C-alpha cells in the first residue's frame, strides 16, 4: 500500500471567519442528516426529536470551534498551513470524531429515559464514524472546490495587476556573501528570483539574454533586509524571493499560487503565509 499520499499537501482553512462558518455548516449538515434519515434508531426517541438532535449539533459545533480556535492557538507549529498534509488532516478529523462520539454518548446517556435503543459507547463510536466519513468526504470535496475557486480568482486579479504595473527606474543590487570573493552586483532588471539552499542562496538572473545563477553564502533573511528599499523584490515563500517586475503570470489552485517568471524554466511557489504581502506588491 502506498502511504505517500498521506504526505501530500492539503489546503487548510486559515481565515477566522471561514473557520467559524465551516464549523457551523458541518454541524448543521450533521443535524439535517440525522433529522431527515433518522438512522441508528433515532426514530424511536420518545422526546421531541428535532429538539433532542440539537444536542448533537451543539456538541459537534463545540468540538470543531474548540479545535480551530483553542487547540490551533496552543500548538501553532503543529497546525502550520505550510506543512499541513492529508495525513495530518485525517488524524485531526479522527480525533475530532472520537471526542464527538464520547460527548454524544455522555449526552444520550444523561437523557437515556427518552432513548429506546442501545446506547453503549461502542455503538456511538460506530454511529459517529459512519456519519463522520460521509461528512468528511463532502467537506474535502467542498473545501477543495472552494479554495481552488478562491485562489484562481485571486490569481486572475494578480495577473491583471502585472499587466498594469509601470516600469520603475533600474537600480543596482549588491549581493554580499560571507565569503568575500562571492560578492557581485547586478541591475534590478536582471534579477529573477533568489532561492534559499541550506546556508546558501542561489541567485537567478539574466545575463547576455541567458539565465544564469550564482550560489553565495548568506541567508534569505539577510538578503530580505538588504533589499527592503527595493519594493519590487519580495519574499513570497520561506525559500524564495522574487523580482515582481519579472513575474509574467500567476496561477493558482486549491493549495497555493505559483509565479511564472520571465526566462525562468521553473515556477516559484507563493506561500500561504505571505499572500497579503505579495498582493501589496501588485497594488502599490
Protein backbone atom coordinates (compact mmCIF):
# COMPACT_ATOMS: atom_id res chain seq x y z
CA UNK A 1 0.00 0.00 0.00
CA UNK A 2 1.34 3.44 -0.97
CA UNK A 3 1.35 5.80 2.00
CA UNK A 4 2.96 8.70 0.11
CA UNK A 5 -0.47 10.25 -0.37
CA UNK A 6 -0.57 10.93 3.38
CA UNK A 7 2.33 13.38 2.93
CA UNK A 8 0.57 15.23 0.10
CA UNK A 9 -0.04 18.94 0.95
CA UNK A 10 -3.65 19.70 1.80
CA UNK A 11 -5.21 23.19 1.91
CA UNK A 12 -6.04 24.41 5.37
CA UNK A 13 -8.82 26.89 6.10
CA UNK A 14 -6.91 29.74 7.71
CA UNK A 15 -9.21 32.75 7.99
CA UNK A 16 -11.09 33.11 11.28
CA UNK A 17 -14.39 33.86 9.58
CA UNK A 18 -14.08 30.88 7.25
CA UNK A 19 -13.23 28.54 10.12
CA UNK A 20 -16.28 29.67 12.08
CA UNK A 21 -18.72 29.23 9.21
CA UNK A 22 -17.11 25.94 8.22
CA UNK A 23 -17.74 24.62 11.74
CA UNK A 24 -21.33 25.86 11.64
CA UNK A 25 -22.03 24.29 8.24
CA UNK A 26 -20.60 20.90 9.24
CA UNK A 27 -22.67 20.91 12.44
CA UNK A 28 -25.84 21.89 10.59
CA UNK A 29 -25.20 19.21 7.97
CA UNK A 30 -24.92 16.54 10.68
CA UNK A 31 -28.14 17.79 12.27
CA UNK A 32 -30.08 17.77 8.98
CA UNK A 33 -28.73 14.33 8.06
CA UNK A 34 -29.88 12.86 11.39
CA UNK A 35 -33.22 14.64 11.22
CA UNK A 36 -34.03 13.57 7.66
CA UNK A 37 -32.79 9.98 7.67
CA UNK A 38 -33.09 9.25 11.41
CA UNK A 39 -30.57 6.37 11.37
CA UNK A 40 -29.45 4.25 14.31
CA UNK A 41 -32.92 4.11 15.90
CA UNK A 42 -33.36 7.87 16.23
CA UNK A 43 -37.00 7.44 15.18
CA UNK A 44 -37.56 5.57 18.44
CA UNK A 45 -36.61 8.52 20.65
CA UNK A 46 -39.67 9.38 22.72
CA UNK A 47 -38.79 13.04 23.21
CA UNK A 48 -39.26 15.77 20.59
CA UNK A 49 -36.75 14.51 18.01
CA UNK A 50 -35.80 17.86 16.36
CA UNK A 51 -35.12 19.36 19.79
CA UNK A 52 -33.25 16.27 21.03
CA UNK A 53 -30.98 16.27 17.97
CA UNK A 54 -29.94 19.86 18.67
CA UNK A 55 -27.73 18.40 21.37
CA UNK A 56 -25.67 16.58 18.74
CA UNK A 57 -25.47 19.79 16.67
CA UNK A 58 -24.09 21.83 19.57
CA UNK A 59 -21.65 19.07 20.57
CA UNK A 60 -20.25 18.93 17.03
CA UNK A 61 -20.03 22.71 16.86
CA UNK A 62 -18.33 22.90 20.26
CA UNK A 63 -15.65 20.35 19.31
CA UNK A 64 -14.89 21.98 15.95
CA UNK A 65 -14.70 25.52 17.34
CA UNK A 66 -12.54 24.36 20.24
CA UNK A 67 -10.17 22.70 17.82
CA UNK A 68 -9.93 25.63 15.40
CA UNK A 69 -9.77 28.45 17.92
CA UNK A 70 -8.16 26.90 21.01
CA UNK A 71 -6.05 23.89 20.00
CA UNK A 72 -4.74 25.64 16.87
CA UNK A 73 -3.67 28.60 19.02
CA UNK A 74 -1.93 26.43 21.61
CA UNK A 75 0.00 24.37 19.03
CA UNK A 76 0.61 26.74 16.07
CA UNK A 77 3.64 24.80 14.78
CA UNK A 78 1.72 21.54 14.72
CA UNK A 79 -1.02 23.13 12.62
CA UNK A 80 1.27 25.16 10.37
CA UNK A 81 -0.51 25.60 7.00
CA UNK A 82 2.83 25.25 5.21
CA UNK A 83 3.28 21.68 6.48
CA UNK A 84 -0.38 20.66 6.51
CA UNK A 85 -0.94 17.33 4.74
CA UNK A 86 -3.69 14.83 4.01
CA UNK A 87 -2.30 12.58 6.75
CA UNK A 88 -2.47 15.33 9.38
CA UNK A 89 -5.95 16.29 8.27
CA UNK A 90 -7.16 12.68 8.60
CA UNK A 91 -5.54 12.36 12.03
CA UNK A 92 -7.14 15.60 13.22
CA UNK A 93 -10.54 14.53 11.90
CA UNK A 94 -10.23 11.11 13.55
CA UNK A 95 -9.54 12.74 16.91
CA UNK A 96 -12.49 15.10 16.44
CA UNK A 97 -14.77 12.15 15.65
CA UNK A 98 -13.51 10.31 18.74
CA UNK A 99 -14.21 13.29 21.02
CA UNK A 100 -17.63 13.91 19.43
CA UNK A 101 -18.54 10.23 19.88
CA UNK A 102 -17.68 10.32 23.60
CA UNK A 103 -19.60 13.56 24.18
CA UNK A 104 -22.60 12.26 22.18
CA UNK A 105 -22.60 9.11 24.32
CA UNK A 106 -22.49 11.13 27.55
CA UNK A 107 -25.31 13.38 26.31
CA UNK A 108 -27.50 10.44 25.26
CA UNK A 109 -26.79 8.51 28.45
CA UNK A 110 -27.86 11.51 30.52
CA UNK A 111 -31.22 11.55 28.72
CA UNK A 112 -31.45 7.74 28.47
CA UNK A 113 -35.06 7.75 29.68
CA UNK A 114 -36.07 9.12 26.28
CA UNK A 115 -33.97 6.66 24.25
CA UNK A 116 -35.22 3.16 23.43
CA UNK A 117 -32.08 1.91 21.68
CA UNK A 118 -28.69 0.56 22.77
CA UNK A 119 -26.57 3.49 23.97
CA UNK A 120 -23.27 1.66 24.55
CA UNK A 121 -20.08 3.62 23.88
CA UNK A 122 -19.00 1.16 21.15
CA UNK A 123 -22.25 1.78 19.28
CA UNK A 124 -21.74 5.52 19.46
CA UNK A 125 -18.23 5.17 18.05
CA UNK A 126 -19.70 3.23 15.13
CA UNK A 127 -22.54 5.72 14.60
CA UNK A 128 -20.29 8.78 14.79
CA UNK A 129 -17.65 7.28 12.49
CA UNK A 130 -20.34 6.35 9.94
CA UNK A 131 -21.66 9.91 9.79
CA UNK A 132 -18.15 11.34 10.09
CA UNK A 133 -16.93 9.51 6.98
CA UNK A 134 -19.85 10.85 4.93
CA UNK A 135 -19.27 14.35 6.28
CA UNK A 136 -15.53 14.11 5.66
CA UNK A 137 -15.97 13.19 2.00
CA UNK A 138 -18.35 16.10 1.45
CA UNK A 139 -16.11 18.50 3.38
CA UNK A 140 -12.97 17.53 1.45
CA UNK A 141 -14.69 17.94 -1.92
CA UNK A 142 -16.33 21.21 -0.91
CA UNK A 143 -13.11 22.63 0.59
CA UNK A 144 -11.09 21.69 -2.47
CA UNK A 145 -13.66 23.32 -4.76
CA UNK A 146 -13.98 26.48 -2.66
CA UNK A 147 -10.24 27.04 -2.15
CA UNK A 148 -9.49 26.27 -5.78
CA UNK A 149 -12.10 28.81 -6.91
CA UNK A 150 -10.84 31.45 -4.46
CA UNK A 151 -7.18 31.04 -5.38
CA UNK A 152 -7.90 31.03 -9.11
CA UNK A 153 -9.87 34.27 -8.79
CA UNK A 154 -7.03 35.89 -6.86
CA UNK A 155 -4.51 34.60 -9.39
CA UNK A 156 -6.54 36.25 -12.15
CA UNK A 157 -6.55 39.50 -10.19
CA UNK A 158 -2.80 39.39 -9.68
CA UNK A 159 -2.24 38.59 -13.35
CA UNK A 160 -4.26 41.69 -14.26
CA UNK A 161 -2.17 43.79 -11.89
CA UNK A 162 1.00 42.56 -13.57
CA UNK A 163 -0.13 43.95 -16.90
CA UNK A 164 -0.88 47.37 -15.43
CA UNK A 165 2.36 47.87 -13.46
CA UNK A 166 4.55 50.74 -14.61
CA UNK A 167 8.24 50.34 -15.19
CA UNK A 168 10.45 51.58 -12.38
CA UNK A 169 13.93 53.04 -12.63
CA UNK A 170 16.65 50.45 -12.95
CA UNK A 171 18.69 50.05 -9.77
CA UNK A 172 21.94 48.37 -8.85
CA UNK A 173 21.73 45.39 -6.49
CA UNK A 174 24.74 44.50 -4.38
CA UNK A 175 24.91 40.90 -3.14
CA UNK A 176 27.09 40.44 -0.07
CA UNK A 177 28.32 36.97 0.85
CA UNK A 178 30.02 35.70 3.98
CA UNK A 179 32.75 34.67 1.56
CA UNK A 180 34.02 38.00 0.22
CA UNK A 181 35.07 36.55 -3.14
CA UNK A 182 31.41 35.72 -3.88
CA UNK A 183 30.21 39.36 -3.75
CA UNK A 184 28.74 40.66 -7.01
CA UNK A 185 26.45 43.32 -8.49
CA UNK A 186 23.61 43.14 -10.99
CA UNK A 187 20.87 45.53 -12.05
CA UNK A 188 17.35 45.19 -10.65
CA UNK A 189 16.04 44.33 -14.11
CA UNK A 190 18.38 41.35 -14.32
CA UNK A 191 17.22 39.68 -11.11
CA UNK A 192 14.64 36.90 -11.49
CA UNK A 193 14.48 35.17 -8.11
CA UNK A 194 16.53 34.05 -5.12
CA UNK A 195 16.25 30.55 -3.68
CA UNK A 196 17.43 29.50 -0.21
CA UNK A 197 19.52 26.33 -0.23
CA UNK A 198 20.70 25.47 3.27
CA UNK A 199 23.31 28.02 4.36
CA UNK A 200 23.45 29.41 0.83
CA UNK A 201 21.25 31.39 -1.51
CA UNK A 202 21.07 30.72 -5.23
CA UNK A 203 20.58 33.93 -7.20
CA UNK A 204 18.95 33.54 -10.62
CA UNK A 205 19.35 36.43 -13.06
CA UNK A 206 19.62 37.25 -16.74
CA UNK A 207 23.00 38.00 -18.31
CA UNK A 208 23.51 38.41 -22.04
CA UNK A 209 19.91 37.25 -22.55
CA UNK A 210 20.66 33.95 -20.82
CA UNK A 211 19.52 32.73 -17.41
CA UNK A 212 22.44 32.21 -15.07
CA UNK A 213 22.81 31.71 -11.34
CA UNK A 214 25.32 32.24 -8.56
CA UNK A 215 25.50 30.50 -5.20
CA UNK A 216 26.52 32.75 -2.31
CA UNK A 217 26.90 32.01 1.37
CA UNK A 218 24.21 34.08 3.10
CA UNK A 219 20.69 33.74 4.41
CA UNK A 220 17.47 34.71 2.68
CA UNK A 221 16.58 36.83 5.70
CA UNK A 222 19.77 38.89 5.30
CA UNK A 223 19.00 39.49 1.63
CA UNK A 224 15.44 40.41 2.52
CA UNK A 225 16.74 43.09 4.90
CA UNK A 226 19.38 44.21 2.41
CA UNK A 227 16.79 44.78 -0.32
CA UNK A 228 13.97 46.19 1.81
CA UNK A 229 14.34 49.52 -0.01
CA UNK A 230 13.57 47.77 -3.30
CA UNK A 231 9.76 47.35 -3.29
CA UNK A 232 9.79 45.16 -6.39
CA UNK A 233 11.84 42.47 -4.63
CA UNK A 234 9.54 40.50 -2.36
CA UNK A 235 9.84 37.37 -0.27
CA UNK A 236 6.93 35.19 -1.38
CA UNK A 237 7.85 31.90 0.30
CA UNK A 238 10.05 30.67 3.13
CA UNK A 239 12.60 29.61 0.49
CA UNK A 240 12.11 32.24 -2.23
CA UNK A 241 12.34 35.91 -3.06
CA UNK A 242 11.20 37.20 -6.44
CA UNK A 243 11.56 40.27 -8.57
CA UNK A 244 7.92 41.18 -9.11
CA UNK A 245 8.81 43.11 -12.24
CA UNK A 246 9.78 39.88 -13.97
CA UNK A 247 6.68 37.93 -12.99
CA UNK A 248 4.66 37.41 -16.16
CA UNK A 249 1.93 35.05 -14.94
CA UNK A 250 0.25 33.91 -11.73
CA UNK A 251 -1.64 30.63 -11.46
CA UNK A 252 -3.44 29.13 -8.51
CA UNK A 253 -5.22 26.04 -7.29
CA UNK A 254 -6.71 24.79 -4.02
CA UNK A 255 -3.30 24.50 -2.38
CA UNK A 256 -1.37 27.60 -3.39
CA UNK A 257 -0.33 30.11 -6.01
CA UNK A 258 2.76 29.98 -8.18
CA UNK A 259 4.64 32.72 -10.02
CA UNK A 260 5.81 32.17 -13.58
CA UNK A 261 8.83 34.39 -14.21
CA UNK A 262 10.31 35.65 -17.45
CA UNK A 263 13.09 33.37 -18.75
CA UNK A 264 12.99 31.12 -15.68
CA UNK A 265 12.46 27.41 -16.53
CA UNK A 266 10.68 26.68 -13.24
CA UNK A 267 7.80 28.29 -11.35
CA UNK A 268 8.12 29.82 -7.89
CA UNK A 269 5.69 28.84 -5.11
CA UNK A 270 3.85 31.51 -3.17
CA UNK A 271 3.48 30.69 0.50
CA UNK A 272 0.06 30.82 2.13
CA UNK A 273 1.78 32.73 4.92
CA UNK A 274 2.68 35.60 2.62
CA UNK A 275 -0.34 36.29 0.36
CA UNK A 276 -1.13 39.81 1.63
CA UNK A 277 2.49 40.85 1.36
CA UNK A 278 2.63 39.59 -2.21
CA UNK A 279 -0.65 41.22 -3.20
CA UNK A 280 0.55 44.63 -1.99
CA UNK A 281 3.44 44.43 -4.43
CA UNK A 282 0.92 44.48 -7.27
CA UNK A 283 -1.35 47.11 -5.77
CA UNK A 284 1.23 49.78 -4.93
